[in-house]
ModelCIF file with pLDDT and N, C-alpha, C, O atoms, coordinates in Angstrom:
data_MODEL
#
_entry.id   MODEL 
#
_entity.id                         1 
_entity.type                       polymer 
_entity.pdbx_number_of_molecules   1 
#
_entity_poly.entity_id                      1 
_entity_poly.type                           'polypeptide(L)' 
_entity_poly.nstd_linkage                   no 
_entity_poly.nstd_monomer                   no 
_entity_poly.pdbx_seq_one_letter_code       DRATYDETYAVYRSLYTHVRDDLHALSRLAGERRT 
_entity_poly.pdbx_seq_one_letter_code_can   DRATYDETYAVYRSLYTHVRDDLHALSRLAGERRT 
_entity_poly.pdbx_strand_id                 A 
#
loop_
_entity_poly_seq.entity_id 
_entity_poly_seq.num 
_entity_poly_seq.mon_id 
_entity_poly_seq.hetero 
1 1  ASP n 
1 2  ARG n 
1 3  ALA n 
1 4  THR n 
1 5  TYR n 
1 6  ASP n 
1 7  GLU n 
1 8  THR n 
1 9  TYR n 
1 10 ALA n 
1 11 VAL n 
1 12 TYR n 
1 13 ARG n 
1 14 SER n 
1 15 LEU n 
1 16 TYR n 
1 17 THR n 
1 18 HIS n 
1 19 VAL n 
1 20 ARG n 
1 21 ASP n 
1 22 ASP n 
1 23 LEU n 
1 24 HIS n 
1 25 ALA n 
1 26 LEU n 
1 27 SER n 
1 28 ARG n 
1 29 LEU n 
1 30 ALA n 
1 31 GLY n 
1 32 GLU n 
1 33 ARG n 
1 34 ARG n 
1 35 THR n 
#
_struct_asym.id          A 
_struct_asym.entity_id   1 
#
loop_
_ma_qa_metric.id 
_ma_qa_metric.mode 
_ma_qa_metric.name 
_ma_qa_metric.software_group_id 
_ma_qa_metric.type 
1 global pLDDT . pLDDT 
2 local  pLDDT . pLDDT 
#
_ma_qa_metric_global.metric_id      1 
_ma_qa_metric_global.metric_value   90.46 
_ma_qa_metric_global.model_id       1 
_ma_qa_metric_global.ordinal_id     1 
#
loop_
_ma_qa_metric_local.label_asym_id 
_ma_qa_metric_local.label_comp_id 
_ma_qa_metric_local.label_seq_id 
_ma_qa_metric_local.metric_id 
_ma_qa_metric_local.metric_value 
_ma_qa_metric_local.model_id 
_ma_qa_metric_local.ordinal_id 
A ASP 1  2 97.00 1 1  
A ARG 2  2 97.00 1 2  
A ALA 3  2 97.00 1 3  
A THR 4  2 98.00 1 4  
A TYR 5  2 98.00 1 5  
A ASP 6  2 98.00 1 6  
A GLU 7  2 98.00 1 7  
A THR 8  2 98.00 1 8  
A TYR 9  2 98.00 1 9  
A ALA 10 2 98.00 1 10 
A VAL 11 2 98.00 1 11 
A TYR 12 2 98.00 1 12 
A ARG 13 2 98.00 1 13 
A SER 14 2 98.00 1 14 
A LEU 15 2 98.00 1 15 
A TYR 16 2 98.00 1 16 
A THR 17 2 97.00 1 17 
A HIS 18 2 97.00 1 18 
A VAL 19 2 97.00 1 19 
A ARG 20 2 97.00 1 20 
A ASP 21 2 97.00 1 21 
A ASP 22 2 97.00 1 22 
A LEU 23 2 97.00 1 23 
A HIS 24 2 95.00 1 24 
A ALA 25 2 96.00 1 25 
A LEU 26 2 94.00 1 26 
A SER 27 2 90.00 1 27 
A ARG 28 2 89.00 1 28 
A LEU 29 2 90.00 1 29 
A ALA 30 2 85.00 1 30 
A GLY 31 2 75.00 1 31 
A GLU 32 2 62.00 1 32 
A ARG 33 2 55.00 1 33 
A ARG 34 2 51.00 1 34 
A THR 35 2 40.00 1 35 
#
loop_
_atom_site.group_PDB 
_atom_site.id 
_atom_site.type_symbol 
_atom_site.label_atom_id 
_atom_site.label_alt_id 
_atom_site.label_comp_id 
_atom_site.label_asym_id 
_atom_site.label_entity_id 
_atom_site.label_seq_id 
_atom_site.pdbx_PDB_ins_code 
_atom_site.Cartn_x 
_atom_site.Cartn_y 
_atom_site.Cartn_z 
_atom_site.occupancy 
_atom_site.B_iso_or_equiv 
_atom_site.pdbx_formal_charge 
_atom_site.auth_seq_id 
_atom_site.auth_comp_id 
_atom_site.auth_asym_id 
_atom_site.auth_atom_id 
_atom_site.pdbx_PDB_model_num 
ATOM 1   N N  . ASP A 1 1  ? -10.341 -10.465 -20.272 1.00 97.00 ? 1  ASP A N  1 
ATOM 2   C CA . ASP A 1 1  ? -10.100 -10.395 -18.828 1.00 97.00 ? 1  ASP A CA 1 
ATOM 3   C C  . ASP A 1 1  ? -10.390 -9.005  -18.263 1.00 97.00 ? 1  ASP A C  1 
ATOM 4   O O  . ASP A 1 1  ? -9.972  -8.680  -17.152 1.00 97.00 ? 1  ASP A O  1 
ATOM 5   N N  . ARG A 1 2  ? -11.105 -8.193  -19.033 1.00 97.00 ? 2  ARG A N  1 
ATOM 6   C CA . ARG A 1 2  ? -11.329 -6.810  -18.631 1.00 97.00 ? 2  ARG A CA 1 
ATOM 7   C C  . ARG A 1 2  ? -12.016 -6.714  -17.261 1.00 97.00 ? 2  ARG A C  1 
ATOM 8   O O  . ARG A 1 2  ? -11.591 -5.927  -16.415 1.00 97.00 ? 2  ARG A O  1 
ATOM 9   N N  . ALA A 1 3  ? -13.066 -7.501  -17.038 1.00 97.00 ? 3  ALA A N  1 
ATOM 10  C CA . ALA A 1 3  ? -13.807 -7.403  -15.783 1.00 97.00 ? 3  ALA A CA 1 
ATOM 11  C C  . ALA A 1 3  ? -12.909 -7.752  -14.594 1.00 97.00 ? 3  ALA A C  1 
ATOM 12  O O  . ALA A 1 3  ? -12.962 -7.088  -13.559 1.00 97.00 ? 3  ALA A O  1 
ATOM 13  N N  . THR A 1 4  ? -12.093 -8.784  -14.741 1.00 98.00 ? 4  THR A N  1 
ATOM 14  C CA . THR A 1 4  ? -11.187 -9.170  -13.655 1.00 98.00 ? 4  THR A CA 1 
ATOM 15  C C  . THR A 1 4  ? -10.176 -8.074  -13.374 1.00 98.00 ? 4  THR A C  1 
ATOM 16  O O  . THR A 1 4  ? -9.916  -7.739  -12.218 1.00 98.00 ? 4  THR A O  1 
ATOM 17  N N  . TYR A 1 5  ? -9.607  -7.516  -14.432 1.00 98.00 ? 5  TYR A N  1 
ATOM 18  C CA . TYR A 1 5  ? -8.618  -6.443  -14.240 1.00 98.00 ? 5  TYR A CA 1 
ATOM 19  C C  . TYR A 1 5  ? -9.275  -5.209  -13.619 1.00 98.00 ? 5  TYR A C  1 
ATOM 20  O O  . TYR A 1 5  ? -8.675  -4.559  -12.763 1.00 98.00 ? 5  TYR A O  1 
ATOM 21  N N  . ASP A 1 6  ? -10.492 -4.883  -14.037 1.00 98.00 ? 6  ASP A N  1 
ATOM 22  C CA . ASP A 1 6  ? -11.177 -3.723  -13.455 1.00 98.00 ? 6  ASP A CA 1 
ATOM 23  C C  . ASP A 1 6  ? -11.379 -3.899  -11.947 1.00 98.00 ? 6  ASP A C  1 
ATOM 24  O O  . ASP A 1 6  ? -11.149 -2.973  -11.169 1.00 98.00 ? 6  ASP A O  1 
ATOM 25  N N  . GLU A 1 7  ? -11.803 -5.080  -11.554 1.00 98.00 ? 7  GLU A N  1 
ATOM 26  C CA . GLU A 1 7  ? -12.057 -5.337  -10.131 1.00 98.00 ? 7  GLU A CA 1 
ATOM 27  C C  . GLU A 1 7  ? -10.747 -5.315  -9.329  1.00 98.00 ? 7  GLU A C  1 
ATOM 28  O O  . GLU A 1 7  ? -10.687 -4.762  -8.231  1.00 98.00 ? 7  GLU A O  1 
ATOM 29  N N  . THR A 1 8  ? -9.705  -5.924  -9.897  1.00 98.00 ? 8  THR A N  1 
ATOM 30  C CA . THR A 1 8  ? -8.434  -5.957  -9.180  1.00 98.00 ? 8  THR A CA 1 
ATOM 31  C C  . THR A 1 8  ? -7.805  -4.566  -9.119  1.00 98.00 ? 8  THR A C  1 
ATOM 32  O O  . THR A 1 8  ? -7.178  -4.204  -8.123  1.00 98.00 ? 8  THR A O  1 
ATOM 33  N N  . TYR A 1 9  ? -7.977  -3.795  -10.184 1.00 98.00 ? 9  TYR A N  1 
ATOM 34  C CA . TYR A 1 9  ? -7.458  -2.419  -10.188 1.00 98.00 ? 9  TYR A CA 1 
ATOM 35  C C  . TYR A 1 9  ? -8.140  -1.587  -9.100  1.00 98.00 ? 9  TYR A C  1 
ATOM 36  O O  . TYR A 1 9  ? -7.492  -0.777  -8.437  1.00 98.00 ? 9  TYR A O  1 
ATOM 37  N N  . ALA A 1 10 ? -9.429  -1.784  -8.920  1.00 98.00 ? 10 ALA A N  1 
ATOM 38  C CA . ALA A 1 10 ? -10.146 -1.054  -7.870  1.00 98.00 ? 10 ALA A CA 1 
ATOM 39  C C  . ALA A 1 10 ? -9.571  -1.390  -6.495  1.00 98.00 ? 10 ALA A C  1 
ATOM 40  O O  . ALA A 1 10 ? -9.451  -0.513  -5.640  1.00 98.00 ? 10 ALA A O  1 
ATOM 41  N N  . VAL A 1 11 ? -9.215  -2.659  -6.284  1.00 98.00 ? 11 VAL A N  1 
ATOM 42  C CA . VAL A 1 11 ? -8.583  -3.048  -5.019  1.00 98.00 ? 11 VAL A CA 1 
ATOM 43  C C  . VAL A 1 11 ? -7.200  -2.413  -4.900  1.00 98.00 ? 11 VAL A C  1 
ATOM 44  O O  . VAL A 1 11 ? -6.823  -1.925  -3.835  1.00 98.00 ? 11 VAL A O  1 
ATOM 45  N N  . TYR A 1 12 ? -6.454  -2.425  -5.991  1.00 98.00 ? 12 TYR A N  1 
ATOM 46  C CA . TYR A 1 12 ? -5.122  -1.808  -6.035  1.00 98.00 ? 12 TYR A CA 1 
ATOM 47  C C  . TYR A 1 12 ? -5.180  -0.345  -5.589  1.00 98.00 ? 12 TYR A C  1 
ATOM 48  O O  . TYR A 1 12 ? -4.373  0.095   -4.770  1.00 98.00 ? 12 TYR A O  1 
ATOM 49  N N  . ARG A 1 13 ? -6.132  0.395   -6.132  1.00 98.00 ? 13 ARG A N  1 
ATOM 50  C CA . ARG A 1 13 ? -6.254  1.808   -5.782  1.00 98.00 ? 13 ARG A CA 1 
ATOM 51  C C  . ARG A 1 13 ? -6.694  1.981   -4.325  1.00 98.00 ? 13 ARG A C  1 
ATOM 52  O O  . ARG A 1 13 ? -6.186  2.852   -3.620  1.00 98.00 ? 13 ARG A O  1 
ATOM 53  N N  . SER A 1 14 ? -7.624  1.162   -3.885  1.00 98.00 ? 14 SER A N  1 
ATOM 54  C CA . SER A 1 14 ? -8.147  1.278   -2.532  1.00 98.00 ? 14 SER A CA 1 
ATOM 55  C C  . SER A 1 14 ? -7.105  0.860   -1.496  1.00 98.00 ? 14 SER A C  1 
ATOM 56  O O  . SER A 1 14 ? -7.007  1.460   -0.426  1.00 98.00 ? 14 SER A O  1 
ATOM 57  N N  . LEU A 1 15 ? -6.335  -0.167  -1.821  1.00 98.00 ? 15 LEU A N  1 
ATOM 58  C CA . LEU A 1 15 ? -5.377  -0.726  -0.866  1.00 98.00 ? 15 LEU A CA 1 
ATOM 59  C C  . LEU A 1 15 ? -4.384  0.324   -0.391  1.00 98.00 ? 15 LEU A C  1 
ATOM 60  O O  . LEU A 1 15 ? -4.115  0.432   0.805   1.00 98.00 ? 15 LEU A O  1 
ATOM 61  N N  . TYR A 1 16 ? -3.840  1.098   -1.323  1.00 98.00 ? 16 TYR A N  1 
ATOM 62  C CA . TYR A 1 16 ? -2.843  2.104   -0.942  1.00 98.00 ? 16 TYR A CA 1 
ATOM 63  C C  . TYR A 1 16 ? -3.414  3.105   0.060   1.00 98.00 ? 16 TYR A C  1 
ATOM 64  O O  . TYR A 1 16 ? -2.753  3.453   1.039   1.00 98.00 ? 16 TYR A O  1 
ATOM 65  N N  . THR A 1 17 ? -4.633  3.566   -0.182  1.00 97.00 ? 17 THR A N  1 
ATOM 66  C CA . THR A 1 17 ? -5.212  4.568   0.727   1.00 97.00 ? 17 THR A CA 1 
ATOM 67  C C  . THR A 1 17 ? -5.412  3.983   2.122   1.00 97.00 ? 17 THR A C  1 
ATOM 68  O O  . THR A 1 17 ? -5.336  4.714   3.110   1.00 97.00 ? 17 THR A O  1 
ATOM 69  N N  . HIS A 1 18 ? -5.664  2.690   2.217   1.00 97.00 ? 18 HIS A N  1 
ATOM 70  C CA . HIS A 1 18 ? -5.902  2.072   3.515   1.00 97.00 ? 18 HIS A CA 1 
ATOM 71  C C  . HIS A 1 18 ? -4.613  1.752   4.271   1.00 97.00 ? 18 HIS A C  1 
ATOM 72  O O  . HIS A 1 18 ? -4.605  1.750   5.502   1.00 97.00 ? 18 HIS A O  1 
ATOM 73  N N  . VAL A 1 19 ? -3.523  1.482   3.547   1.00 97.00 ? 19 VAL A N  1 
ATOM 74  C CA . VAL A 1 19 ? -2.286  1.071   4.232   1.00 97.00 ? 19 VAL A CA 1 
ATOM 75  C C  . VAL A 1 19 ? -1.205  2.147   4.198   1.00 97.00 ? 19 VAL A C  1 
ATOM 76  O O  . VAL A 1 19 ? -0.112  1.932   4.722   1.00 97.00 ? 19 VAL A O  1 
ATOM 77  N N  . ARG A 1 20 ? -1.485  3.291   3.597   1.00 97.00 ? 20 ARG A N  1 
ATOM 78  C CA . ARG A 1 20 ? -0.457  4.329   3.443   1.00 97.00 ? 20 ARG A CA 1 
ATOM 79  C C  . ARG A 1 20 ? 0.202   4.704   4.771   1.00 97.00 ? 20 ARG A C  1 
ATOM 80  O O  . ARG A 1 20 ? 1.429   4.744   4.858   1.00 97.00 ? 20 ARG A O  1 
ATOM 81  N N  . ASP A 1 21 ? -0.586  4.975   5.792   1.00 97.00 ? 21 ASP A N  1 
ATOM 82  C CA . ASP A 1 21 ? -0.011  5.392   7.071   1.00 97.00 ? 21 ASP A CA 1 
ATOM 83  C C  . ASP A 1 21 ? 0.853   4.286   7.668   1.00 97.00 ? 21 ASP A C  1 
ATOM 84  O O  . ASP A 1 21 ? 1.905   4.558   8.245   1.00 97.00 ? 21 ASP A O  1 
ATOM 85  N N  . ASP A 1 22 ? 0.411   3.052   7.529   1.00 97.00 ? 22 ASP A N  1 
ATOM 86  C CA . ASP A 1 22 ? 1.206   1.939   8.049   1.00 97.00 ? 22 ASP A CA 1 
ATOM 87  C C  . ASP A 1 22 ? 2.514   1.784   7.274   1.00 97.00 ? 22 ASP A C  1 
ATOM 88  O O  . ASP A 1 22 ? 3.551   1.487   7.868   1.00 97.00 ? 22 ASP A O  1 
ATOM 89  N N  . LEU A 1 23 ? 2.476   1.983   5.952   1.00 97.00 ? 23 LEU A N  1 
ATOM 90  C CA . LEU A 1 23 ? 3.703   1.904   5.155   1.00 97.00 ? 23 LEU A CA 1 
ATOM 91  C C  . LEU A 1 23 ? 4.679   2.990   5.571   1.00 97.00 ? 23 LEU A C  1 
ATOM 92  O O  . LEU A 1 23 ? 5.883   2.744   5.648   1.00 97.00 ? 23 LEU A O  1 
ATOM 93  N N  . HIS A 1 24 ? 4.175   4.192   5.841   1.00 95.00 ? 24 HIS A N  1 
ATOM 94  C CA . HIS A 1 24 ? 5.039   5.277   6.299   1.00 95.00 ? 24 HIS A CA 1 
ATOM 95  C C  . HIS A 1 24 ? 5.640   4.944   7.660   1.00 95.00 ? 24 HIS A C  1 
ATOM 96  O O  . HIS A 1 24 ? 6.806   5.246   7.917   1.00 95.00 ? 24 HIS A O  1 
ATOM 97  N N  . ALA A 1 25 ? 4.845   4.321   8.535   1.00 96.00 ? 25 ALA A N  1 
ATOM 98  C CA . ALA A 1 25 ? 5.349   3.931   9.855   1.00 96.00 ? 25 ALA A CA 1 
ATOM 99  C C  . ALA A 1 25 ? 6.473   2.903   9.716   1.00 96.00 ? 25 ALA A C  1 
ATOM 100 O O  . ALA A 1 25 ? 7.478   2.975   10.423  1.00 96.00 ? 25 ALA A O  1 
ATOM 101 N N  . LEU A 1 26 ? 6.300   1.954   8.807   1.00 94.00 ? 26 LEU A N  1 
ATOM 102 C CA . LEU A 1 26 ? 7.336   0.953   8.582   1.00 94.00 ? 26 LEU A CA 1 
ATOM 103 C C  . LEU A 1 26 ? 8.599   1.586   8.003   1.00 94.00 ? 26 LEU A C  1 
ATOM 104 O O  . LEU A 1 26 ? 9.711   1.191   8.353   1.00 94.00 ? 26 LEU A O  1 
ATOM 105 N N  . SER A 1 27 ? 8.426   2.566   7.121   1.00 90.00 ? 27 SER A N  1 
ATOM 106 C CA . SER A 1 27 ? 9.572   3.276   6.571   1.00 90.00 ? 27 SER A CA 1 
ATOM 107 C C  . SER A 1 27 ? 10.351  3.973   7.678   1.00 90.00 ? 27 SER A C  1 
ATOM 108 O O  . SER A 1 27 ? 11.581  3.924   7.708   1.00 90.00 ? 27 SER A O  1 
ATOM 109 N N  . ARG A 1 28 ? 9.621   4.630   8.598   1.00 89.00 ? 28 ARG A N  1 
ATOM 110 C CA . ARG A 1 28 ? 10.286  5.306   9.720   1.00 89.00 ? 28 ARG A CA 1 
ATOM 111 C C  . ARG A 1 28 ? 10.986  4.291   10.625  1.00 89.00 ? 28 ARG A C  1 
ATOM 112 O O  . ARG A 1 28 ? 12.095  4.529   11.103  1.00 89.00 ? 28 ARG A O  1 
ATOM 113 N N  . LEU A 1 29 ? 10.325  3.166   10.850  1.00 90.00 ? 29 LEU A N  1 
ATOM 114 C CA . LEU A 1 29 ? 10.903  2.134   11.709  1.00 90.00 ? 29 LEU A CA 1 
ATOM 115 C C  . LEU A 1 29 ? 12.209  1.611   11.100  1.00 90.00 ? 29 LEU A C  1 
ATOM 116 O O  . LEU A 1 29 ? 13.193  1.414   11.813  1.00 90.00 ? 29 LEU A O  1 
ATOM 117 N N  . ALA A 1 30 ? 12.216  1.392   9.805   1.00 85.00 ? 30 ALA A N  1 
ATOM 118 C CA . ALA A 1 30 ? 13.441  0.933   9.137   1.00 85.00 ? 30 ALA A CA 1 
ATOM 119 C C  . ALA A 1 30 ? 14.534  1.977   9.276   1.00 85.00 ? 30 ALA A C  1 
ATOM 120 O O  . ALA A 1 30 ? 15.703  1.639   9.461   1.00 85.00 ? 30 ALA A O  1 
ATOM 121 N N  . GLY A 1 31 ? 14.153  3.260   9.186   1.00 75.00 ? 31 GLY A N  1 
ATOM 122 C CA . GLY A 1 31 ? 15.115  4.338   9.351   1.00 75.00 ? 31 GLY A CA 1 
ATOM 123 C C  . GLY A 1 31 ? 15.693  4.391   10.741  1.00 75.00 ? 31 GLY A C  1 
ATOM 124 O O  . GLY A 1 31 ? 16.890  4.622   10.913  1.00 75.00 ? 31 GLY A O  1 
ATOM 125 N N  . GLU A 1 32 ? 14.846  4.177   11.745  1.00 62.00 ? 32 GLU A N  1 
ATOM 126 C CA . GLU A 1 32 ? 15.310  4.189   13.140  1.00 62.00 ? 32 GLU A CA 1 
ATOM 127 C C  . GLU A 1 32 ? 16.297  3.062   13.394  1.00 62.00 ? 32 GLU A C  1 
ATOM 128 O O  . GLU A 1 32 ? 17.271  3.245   14.125  1.00 62.00 ? 32 GLU A O  1 
ATOM 129 N N  . ARG A 1 33 ? 16.059  1.904   12.801  1.00 55.00 ? 33 ARG A N  1 
ATOM 130 C CA . ARG A 1 33 ? 16.929  0.762   13.035  1.00 55.00 ? 33 ARG A CA 1 
ATOM 131 C C  . ARG A 1 33 ? 18.257  0.901   12.314  1.00 55.00 ? 33 ARG A C  1 
ATOM 132 O O  . ARG A 1 33 ? 19.223  0.222   12.661  1.00 55.00 ? 33 ARG A O  1 
ATOM 133 N N  . ARG A 1 34 ? 18.317  1.776   11.312  1.00 51.00 ? 34 ARG A N  1 
ATOM 134 C CA . ARG A 1 34 ? 19.577  1.987   10.600  1.00 51.00 ? 34 ARG A CA 1 
ATOM 135 C C  . ARG A 1 34 ? 20.491  2.912   11.374  1.00 51.00 ? 34 ARG A C  1 
ATOM 136 O O  . ARG A 1 34 ? 21.704  2.895   11.167  1.00 51.00 ? 34 ARG A O  1 
ATOM 137 N N  . THR A 1 35 ? 19.919  3.735   12.280  1.00 40.00 ? 35 THR A N  1 
ATOM 138 C CA . THR A 1 35 ? 20.742  4.746   12.946  1.00 40.00 ? 35 THR A CA 1 
ATOM 139 C C  . THR A 1 35 ? 21.419  4.194   14.178  1.00 40.00 ? 35 THR A C  1 
ATOM 140 O O  . THR A 1 35 ? 22.149  4.916   14.856  1.00 40.00 ? 35 THR A O  1 
#
């Protein structure tokens, strides 16, 4: 399954860089709602 894992790992690495800012925004939003 090496080829499948390699392709999915590439998506895994790329996904974080694309959604990082949105994840941080959601973290802040959760913090605001707790206060």
